[in-house]
Amino acid sequence: MLKLKWDLGLTMFLASISLSFLFHIGFKDLLDNFYHTIMDLATLKLIGIVVLVYFLSGILKRTKSMEGFVFPLQYLVTDYRLVLFLIASLLGLIPMPAGAMFSAPLLKEIGEENNLDSEAIMMSNYWFRHVWEFFWPLIPGVVLYVAVIGVSFREIMIMQFPLSIFALFIGFFWMYRNLEKIDNHKISNNTYKKYLLVFLNSVWPILLIISLVLFFKIDLLISLGLTILLLLIVKKISARSLREIVIHDLSGKIVIMIIGIMLFKQVLNSTNSLTLIALFLSETGINIWIILFFIPFLLGFLTGIITGFIGVGFPIILPLMLKDGSVNLSMAMFAYLGGFTGMMISPVHLCLTLTLEYLKVNVYQFYKKLYLNLFIFIVISTIYIILFNS
């Protein structure tokens, strides 16, 4: 179904029905599983977080806060390479479908001013946009990851933050090795302060959320709610704007997708098929770590999104990661690494396909750069995971 580009939410519902049929679960038991899924606190909380993330994204777009991220940076930072990194990575903090298309025109303008070829612009945009997708709590796929493996956001943020550091290091190494330095935009101290205030005025909601979650240990749902409430007051959002955000920025599909994924997990648990799958995979003689990497990798490649490889793959491989009743975080991290790698090279990843077309990139040349960076990233991350597990 995913290969045929069917909707992920519909796919998960049909997969749940098929699984119930194969294990001879009656219609009444299927309805019971559906009821338990939609009434489960974890599901409701997950839906609440994702809806609020999309709501926050809508507010930031409509108040032009994201433009405030970008415009001052061209004057605050003299090295254009850092500007490329900051624009792509800062906009990567705001989840949106095909989000790389939002930053692509900005990076294209800066890149062409500094005589960069389209492959270099594409690499800067694509790589740095995705460096935060291992721990950032506003990304719906990360929210789902936390819900499926059943750990706290704080644990994931601390555990997987080093993966983002590795990705940043590799990106900078590539950038400073391949792109020539050109300093520009010399400005006075007064102008510098003015642009810095504009930047901080735009970025404070993001900084507030991460501070509340990481340092004050406040639940993400509450942190999002408080930040949005404060934004509504500070930005004086009108009732008309709120209605437009609800109509245009909130997606019913994402709610259906979450319910479908959580129903699939519930049915897998009720049929005891997770235990059977784990037993079968362990008896094949294939190393568990290879299975943990390959299944999410394949699903990441097929779906091109984090929610795809998490929602479909992780309920299946979850029993393989259990140790004394709790998830082995090293194994979970390695499986996530596999899914992320598959997603990054996926031809159905909208960030990739749309920006390749927009920037008129030589696909072969771009993939050569991407494969090398991903290979180095996998090696460094695997060493970290092995040390983490020891």
Protein backbone atom coordinates (compact mmCIF):
# COMPACT_ATOMS: atom_id res chain seq x y z
CA MET A 1 0.00 0.00 0.00
CA LEU A 2 2.83 2.39 0.85
CA LYS A 3 4.54 1.53 -2.45
CA LEU A 4 1.27 2.45 -4.19
CA LYS A 5 1.33 5.77 -2.27
CA TRP A 6 -1.81 5.04 -0.27
CA ASP A 7 -2.53 7.30 2.69
CA LEU A 8 -0.57 6.10 5.75
CA GLY A 9 -3.54 6.41 8.12
CA LEU A 10 -5.80 4.33 5.83
CA THR A 11 -2.98 1.81 5.35
CA MET A 12 -2.63 1.33 9.12
CA PHE A 13 -6.41 0.88 9.58
CA LEU A 14 -6.53 -1.74 6.82
CA ALA A 15 -3.42 -3.45 8.22
CA SER A 16 -5.14 -3.63 11.64
CA ILE A 17 -8.30 -5.16 10.09
CA SER A 18 -6.20 -7.65 8.09
CA LEU A 19 -4.25 -8.66 11.18
CA SER A 20 -7.49 -9.17 13.13
CA PHE A 21 -8.84 -11.37 10.30
CA LEU A 22 -5.66 -13.45 10.08
CA PHE A 23 -5.67 -14.11 13.84
CA HIS A 24 -9.42 -14.86 13.86
CA ILE A 25 -10.33 -11.87 16.02
CA GLY A 26 -14.03 -11.09 15.71
CA PHE A 27 -15.53 -7.76 14.74
CA LYS A 28 -16.56 -7.08 18.35
CA ASP A 29 -12.99 -7.58 19.59
CA LEU A 30 -11.71 -5.31 16.82
CA LEU A 31 -14.14 -2.60 17.96
CA ASP A 32 -12.96 -3.15 21.54
CA ASN A 33 -9.36 -2.62 20.39
CA PHE A 34 -10.42 0.54 18.56
CA TYR A 35 -12.22 1.82 21.68
CA HIS A 36 -9.20 1.13 23.91
CA THR A 37 -6.95 2.87 21.37
CA ILE A 38 -8.92 6.11 21.14
CA MET A 39 -9.51 6.22 24.90
CA ASP A 40 -5.91 5.45 25.77
CA LEU A 41 -4.22 8.39 27.52
CA ALA A 42 -1.02 7.93 25.48
CA THR A 43 -2.98 8.21 22.20
CA LEU A 44 -4.93 11.27 23.34
CA LYS A 45 -1.76 12.95 24.56
CA LEU A 46 0.02 12.15 21.30
CA ILE A 47 -2.83 13.66 19.26
CA GLY A 48 -2.84 16.73 21.50
CA ILE A 49 0.89 17.32 21.07
CA VAL A 50 0.85 16.92 17.29
CA VAL A 51 -2.21 19.17 16.88
CA LEU A 52 -0.57 21.87 19.03
CA VAL A 53 2.67 21.60 17.02
CA TYR A 54 0.77 22.24 13.78
CA PHE A 55 -1.14 25.07 15.50
CA LEU A 56 2.13 26.64 16.64
CA SER A 57 3.53 26.34 13.13
CA GLY A 58 0.43 28.10 11.78
CA ILE A 59 0.82 30.98 14.24
CA LEU A 60 4.50 31.43 13.41
CA LYS A 61 3.74 31.48 9.68
CA ARG A 62 0.89 33.96 9.96
CA THR A 63 2.76 36.33 12.27
CA LYS A 64 5.74 36.19 9.87
CA SER A 65 7.96 35.03 12.73
CA MET A 66 9.80 32.64 10.41
CA GLU A 67 10.79 35.55 8.19
CA GLY A 68 12.19 37.13 11.35
CA PHE A 69 14.44 34.09 11.75
CA VAL A 70 15.88 34.48 8.31
CA PHE A 71 16.17 38.16 7.31
CA PRO A 72 18.36 39.37 10.24
CA LEU A 73 20.80 36.46 9.89
CA GLN A 74 22.12 37.77 6.59
CA TYR A 75 23.30 40.88 8.45
CA LEU A 76 24.21 39.39 11.83
CA VAL A 77 26.54 36.75 10.33
CA THR A 78 29.26 37.80 7.89
CA ASP A 79 30.22 34.29 6.65
CA TYR A 80 27.58 33.25 4.10
CA ARG A 81 28.26 29.57 4.87
CA LEU A 82 27.01 30.06 8.41
CA VAL A 83 23.98 31.89 7.04
CA LEU A 84 23.17 28.86 4.85
CA PHE A 85 23.45 26.59 7.89
CA LEU A 86 21.42 28.82 10.20
CA ILE A 87 18.54 29.38 7.80
CA ALA A 88 18.19 25.69 6.89
CA SER A 89 18.59 24.44 10.46
CA LEU A 90 16.40 27.06 12.14
CA LEU A 91 13.57 26.46 9.70
CA GLY A 92 14.10 22.75 10.32
CA LEU A 93 12.93 23.36 13.89
CA ILE A 94 9.45 24.11 12.51
CA PRO A 95 7.76 20.96 11.18
CA MET A 96 5.93 21.36 7.88
CA PRO A 97 5.32 19.08 4.89
CA ALA A 98 8.07 19.44 2.27
CA GLY A 99 9.62 22.03 4.61
CA ALA A 100 12.90 22.18 2.68
CA MET A 101 10.97 23.97 -0.05
CA PHE A 102 10.41 26.86 2.36
CA SER A 103 14.13 27.41 2.88
CA ALA A 104 15.24 26.47 -0.66
CA PRO A 105 14.46 29.88 -2.30
CA LEU A 106 16.33 31.69 0.48
CA LEU A 107 19.40 29.48 0.19
CA LYS A 108 19.25 29.66 -3.59
CA GLU A 109 19.44 33.46 -3.48
CA ILE A 110 22.36 33.46 -1.03
CA GLY A 111 24.12 30.65 -2.88
CA GLU A 112 23.87 32.30 -6.27
CA GLU A 113 25.17 35.58 -4.82
CA ASN A 114 28.28 33.64 -3.75
CA ASN A 115 28.66 31.61 -6.98
CA LEU A 116 27.65 28.22 -5.56
CA ASP A 117 26.49 25.45 -7.85
CA SER A 118 23.02 23.95 -7.35
CA GLU A 119 24.40 20.74 -5.77
CA ALA A 120 26.15 22.72 -3.01
CA ILE A 121 22.99 24.76 -2.33
CA MET A 122 20.92 21.58 -2.26
CA MET A 123 23.32 19.82 0.10
CA SER A 124 23.38 22.75 2.52
CA ASN A 125 19.59 23.01 2.52
CA TYR A 126 18.80 19.29 2.72
CA TRP A 127 21.43 18.17 5.21
CA PHE A 128 21.13 20.96 7.77
CA ARG A 129 17.33 20.96 7.67
CA HIS A 130 17.28 17.39 9.01
CA VAL A 131 19.98 17.50 11.70
CA TRP A 132 17.47 18.00 14.53
CA GLU A 133 15.24 15.02 13.72
CA PHE A 134 16.75 12.77 16.37
CA PHE A 135 15.51 14.59 19.45
CA TRP A 136 13.54 17.75 18.62
CA PRO A 137 10.19 17.51 20.48
CA LEU A 138 8.22 19.54 17.92
CA ILE A 139 8.73 16.95 15.17
CA PRO A 140 5.65 14.66 15.02
CA GLY A 141 7.80 11.62 14.18
CA VAL A 142 9.86 12.12 17.33
CA VAL A 143 6.66 12.52 19.35
CA LEU A 144 5.42 9.21 17.93
CA TYR A 145 8.79 7.55 18.61
CA VAL A 146 8.59 8.51 22.29
CA ALA A 147 5.00 7.21 22.52
CA VAL A 148 5.74 3.87 20.83
CA ILE A 149 8.83 2.95 22.86
CA GLY A 150 7.34 4.35 26.07
CA VAL A 151 10.10 6.57 27.44
CA SER A 152 10.18 10.23 28.45
CA PHE A 153 10.97 13.08 26.08
CA ARG A 154 13.78 14.18 28.34
CA GLU A 155 15.46 10.77 28.05
CA ILE A 156 15.26 10.83 24.25
CA MET A 157 16.51 14.41 24.06
CA ILE A 158 19.55 13.63 26.21
CA MET A 159 20.24 10.24 24.61
CA GLN A 160 19.89 11.20 20.95
CA PHE A 161 21.13 14.79 21.03
CA PRO A 162 24.70 13.57 20.29
CA LEU A 163 23.44 12.17 16.95
CA SER A 164 22.47 15.72 15.98
CA ILE A 165 25.94 16.91 17.02
CA PHE A 166 27.53 14.27 14.78
CA ALA A 167 25.30 15.33 11.86
CA LEU A 168 26.24 18.98 12.42
CA PHE A 169 29.95 18.13 12.59
CA ILE A 170 29.80 16.17 9.31
CA GLY A 171 27.81 18.96 7.64
CA PHE A 172 30.30 21.62 8.75
CA PHE A 173 33.26 19.47 7.69
CA TRP A 174 31.75 19.10 4.22
CA MET A 175 30.84 22.81 4.02
CA TYR A 176 34.18 24.23 5.14
CA ARG A 177 36.09 21.78 2.96
CA ASN A 178 34.13 22.49 -0.21
CA LEU A 179 32.77 26.05 0.00
CA GLU A 180 35.08 29.05 -0.22
CA LYS A 181 34.80 31.70 2.48
CA ILE A 182 33.52 35.15 1.44
CA ASP A 183 32.82 37.82 4.08
CA ASN A 184 30.10 40.37 3.39
CA HIS A 185 27.45 42.60 5.00
CA LYS A 186 29.62 44.75 7.26
CA ILE A 187 27.26 46.68 9.55
CA SER A 188 27.50 49.12 12.47
CA ASN A 189 27.01 48.13 16.10
CA ASN A 190 23.65 49.91 16.31
CA THR A 191 22.34 48.11 13.23
CA TYR A 192 23.69 44.82 14.60
CA LYS A 193 21.72 45.29 17.84
CA LYS A 194 18.58 46.13 15.87
CA TYR A 195 18.76 42.95 13.81
CA LEU A 196 19.62 40.86 16.87
CA LEU A 197 16.45 42.08 18.61
CA VAL A 198 14.39 41.21 15.52
CA PHE A 199 15.89 37.71 15.52
CA LEU A 200 15.30 37.11 19.25
CA ASN A 201 11.76 38.44 18.95
CA SER A 202 11.07 35.76 16.36
CA VAL A 203 12.87 32.80 17.93
CA TRP A 204 11.75 33.10 21.57
CA PRO A 205 8.78 30.65 21.30
CA ILE A 206 11.12 27.87 20.18
CA LEU A 207 13.64 28.65 22.92
CA LEU A 208 10.85 28.75 25.52
CA ILE A 209 9.53 25.29 24.60
CA ILE A 210 12.94 23.62 24.69
CA SER A 211 13.74 25.31 28.04
CA LEU A 212 10.46 24.22 29.64
CA VAL A 213 10.91 20.60 28.51
CA LEU A 214 14.63 20.13 29.06
CA PHE A 215 15.52 22.35 32.00
CA PHE A 216 12.23 22.71 33.91
CA LYS A 217 11.08 19.13 33.11
CA ILE A 218 7.58 20.31 32.18
CA ASP A 219 5.54 17.93 30.03
CA LEU A 220 5.70 18.76 26.31
CA LEU A 221 1.91 19.05 25.97
CA ILE A 222 1.79 21.63 28.77
CA SER A 223 4.89 23.44 27.43
CA LEU A 224 3.29 23.75 24.00
CA GLY A 225 0.00 24.96 25.47
CA LEU A 226 1.69 27.62 27.62
CA THR A 227 3.84 28.85 24.73
CA ILE A 228 0.88 29.06 22.34
CA LEU A 229 -1.22 30.89 24.94
CA LEU A 230 1.59 33.39 25.49
CA LEU A 231 2.01 33.80 21.72
CA LEU A 232 -1.70 34.51 21.27
CA ILE A 233 -1.49 37.25 23.90
CA VAL A 234 1.81 38.79 22.78
CA LYS A 235 1.02 38.71 19.06
CA LYS A 236 -2.64 39.70 19.63
CA ILE A 237 -3.96 37.00 17.31
CA SER A 238 -7.50 37.81 16.14
CA ALA A 239 -10.43 35.38 16.12
CA ARG A 240 -10.38 35.47 12.31
CA SER A 241 -6.71 34.45 12.23
CA LEU A 242 -7.40 31.62 14.68
CA ARG A 243 -10.18 30.36 12.43
CA GLU A 244 -7.86 30.46 9.41
CA ILE A 245 -5.19 28.53 11.31
CA VAL A 246 -7.72 25.84 12.30
CA ILE A 247 -9.02 25.57 8.71
CA HIS A 248 -5.73 25.73 6.79
CA ASP A 249 -2.98 24.56 9.14
CA LEU A 250 -4.54 21.77 11.21
CA SER A 251 -4.75 18.42 9.43
CA GLY A 252 -7.39 15.80 10.12
CA LYS A 253 -5.21 13.31 8.24
CA ILE A 254 -2.50 13.45 10.90
CA VAL A 255 -5.04 12.56 13.62
CA ILE A 256 -6.34 9.62 11.57
CA MET A 257 -2.77 8.50 10.97
CA ILE A 258 -1.95 8.55 14.70
CA ILE A 259 -5.09 6.58 15.59
CA GLY A 260 -4.33 4.09 12.80
CA ILE A 261 -0.76 3.56 14.02
CA MET A 262 -1.78 3.18 17.67
CA LEU A 263 -4.61 0.80 16.66
CA PHE A 264 -2.09 -1.31 14.74
CA LYS A 265 0.08 -1.48 17.85
CA GLN A 266 -2.95 -2.40 20.00
CA VAL A 267 -4.02 -5.20 17.64
CA LEU A 268 -0.44 -6.52 17.46
CA ASN A 269 -0.41 -6.69 21.26
CA SER A 270 -3.85 -8.32 21.55
CA THR A 271 -3.00 -11.06 19.01
CA ASN A 272 0.33 -11.84 20.70
CA SER A 273 1.80 -11.61 17.21
CA LEU A 274 4.63 -9.35 18.41
CA THR A 275 6.02 -12.21 20.47
CA LEU A 276 5.63 -14.58 17.53
CA ILE A 277 7.36 -12.16 15.13
CA ALA A 278 10.23 -11.67 17.57
CA LEU A 279 10.56 -15.43 18.02
CA PHE A 280 10.54 -16.01 14.25
CA LEU A 281 13.15 -13.30 13.57
CA SER A 282 15.42 -14.55 16.35
CA GLU A 283 15.22 -18.13 15.00
CA THR A 284 16.30 -17.07 11.49
CA GLY A 285 19.85 -16.77 12.77
CA ILE A 286 20.15 -13.19 11.48
CA ASN A 287 21.87 -10.89 13.94
CA ILE A 288 19.28 -8.87 15.88
CA TRP A 289 21.14 -5.61 15.26
CA ILE A 290 20.94 -6.16 11.48
CA ILE A 291 17.17 -6.72 11.77
CA LEU A 292 16.81 -3.61 13.94
CA PHE A 293 18.57 -1.49 11.32
CA PHE A 294 17.17 -3.04 8.15
CA ILE A 295 13.39 -3.05 8.87
CA PRO A 296 13.19 0.70 9.74
CA PHE A 297 15.62 1.44 6.87
CA LEU A 298 13.31 -0.27 4.37
CA LEU A 299 10.22 1.47 5.74
CA GLY A 300 12.00 4.83 5.84
CA PHE A 301 12.91 4.32 2.18
CA LEU A 302 9.35 3.31 1.23
CA THR A 303 7.53 6.08 3.11
CA GLY A 304 10.06 8.95 3.15
CA ILE A 305 8.82 10.14 6.56
CA ILE A 306 9.70 9.49 10.21
CA THR A 307 6.13 8.59 11.15
CA GLY A 308 6.23 5.91 8.44
CA PHE A 309 9.19 3.93 9.74
CA ILE A 310 8.25 4.52 13.38
CA GLY A 311 4.54 3.74 13.05
CA VAL A 312 4.89 0.64 10.90
CA GLY A 313 8.31 -0.72 11.88
CA PHE A 314 8.74 -0.08 15.59
CA PRO A 315 5.67 -1.99 16.84
CA ILE A 316 7.05 -5.03 14.97
CA ILE A 317 10.65 -4.83 16.24
CA LEU A 318 9.77 -3.56 19.73
CA PRO A 319 9.92 -7.03 21.37
CA LEU A 320 13.47 -7.47 20.06
CA MET A 321 14.50 -4.36 21.99
CA LEU A 322 13.02 -5.39 25.34
CA LYS A 323 15.32 -6.23 28.21
CA ASP A 324 13.82 -7.07 31.62
CA GLY A 325 10.53 -5.53 30.48
CA SER A 326 11.96 -2.17 29.39
CA VAL A 327 13.30 -0.93 26.05
CA ASN A 328 17.04 -1.10 25.41
CA LEU A 329 17.65 2.51 24.39
CA SER A 330 20.78 1.66 22.39
CA MET A 331 18.78 -0.73 20.23
CA ALA A 332 15.98 1.82 19.80
CA MET A 333 18.54 4.43 18.78
CA PHE A 334 20.14 2.06 16.24
CA ALA A 335 16.74 1.23 14.74
CA TYR A 336 15.96 4.96 14.52
CA LEU A 337 19.30 5.49 12.78
CA GLY A 338 18.32 2.87 10.19
CA GLY A 339 14.95 4.49 9.54
CA PHE A 340 16.47 7.96 9.29
CA THR A 341 19.04 6.76 6.74
CA GLY A 342 16.35 5.14 4.58
CA MET A 343 14.22 8.28 4.77
CA MET A 344 17.11 10.56 3.75
CA ILE A 345 17.73 8.69 0.48
CA SER A 346 14.06 7.95 -0.25
CA PRO A 347 12.72 9.11 -3.63
CA VAL A 348 9.31 9.70 -1.98
CA HIS A 349 10.77 12.08 0.60
CA LEU A 350 9.13 15.36 -0.43
CA CYS A 351 11.95 17.52 0.93
CA LEU A 352 14.29 15.68 -1.40
CA THR A 353 12.26 15.34 -4.59
CA LEU A 354 10.71 18.82 -4.63
CA THR A 355 13.95 20.68 -3.93
CA LEU A 356 15.90 18.57 -6.43
CA GLU A 357 13.45 19.75 -9.07
CA TYR A 358 13.30 23.36 -7.83
CA LEU A 359 17.08 23.82 -7.74
CA LYS A 360 17.66 21.89 -11.00
CA VAL A 361 20.22 19.67 -9.34
CA ASN A 362 22.40 17.02 -11.00
CA VAL A 363 20.95 14.09 -9.05
CA TYR A 364 23.98 11.83 -9.52
CA GLN A 365 26.42 14.45 -8.21
CA PHE A 366 24.16 15.28 -5.27
CA TYR A 367 23.70 11.63 -4.25
CA LYS A 368 27.48 11.12 -4.30
CA LYS A 369 27.83 13.85 -1.68
CA LEU A 370 24.82 12.63 0.32
CA TYR A 371 25.92 8.96 0.40
CA LEU A 372 29.39 9.87 1.64
CA ASN A 373 28.03 12.08 4.42
CA LEU A 374 25.48 9.43 5.45
CA PHE A 375 28.12 6.68 5.48
CA ILE A 376 30.39 8.71 7.79
CA PHE A 377 27.38 9.58 9.94
CA ILE A 378 26.36 5.91 10.30
CA VAL A 379 29.90 4.87 11.28
CA ILE A 380 30.31 7.60 13.94
CA SER A 381 26.79 7.08 15.30
CA THR A 382 27.24 3.30 15.49
CA ILE A 383 30.44 3.74 17.52
CA TYR A 384 28.54 6.05 19.89
CA ILE A 385 25.68 3.54 20.21
CA ILE A 386 28.10 0.69 20.96
CA LEU A 387 29.79 2.77 23.67
CA PHE A 388 26.37 3.82 25.00
CA ASN A 389 25.33 0.16 25.21
CA SER A 390 28.49 -1.04 26.94
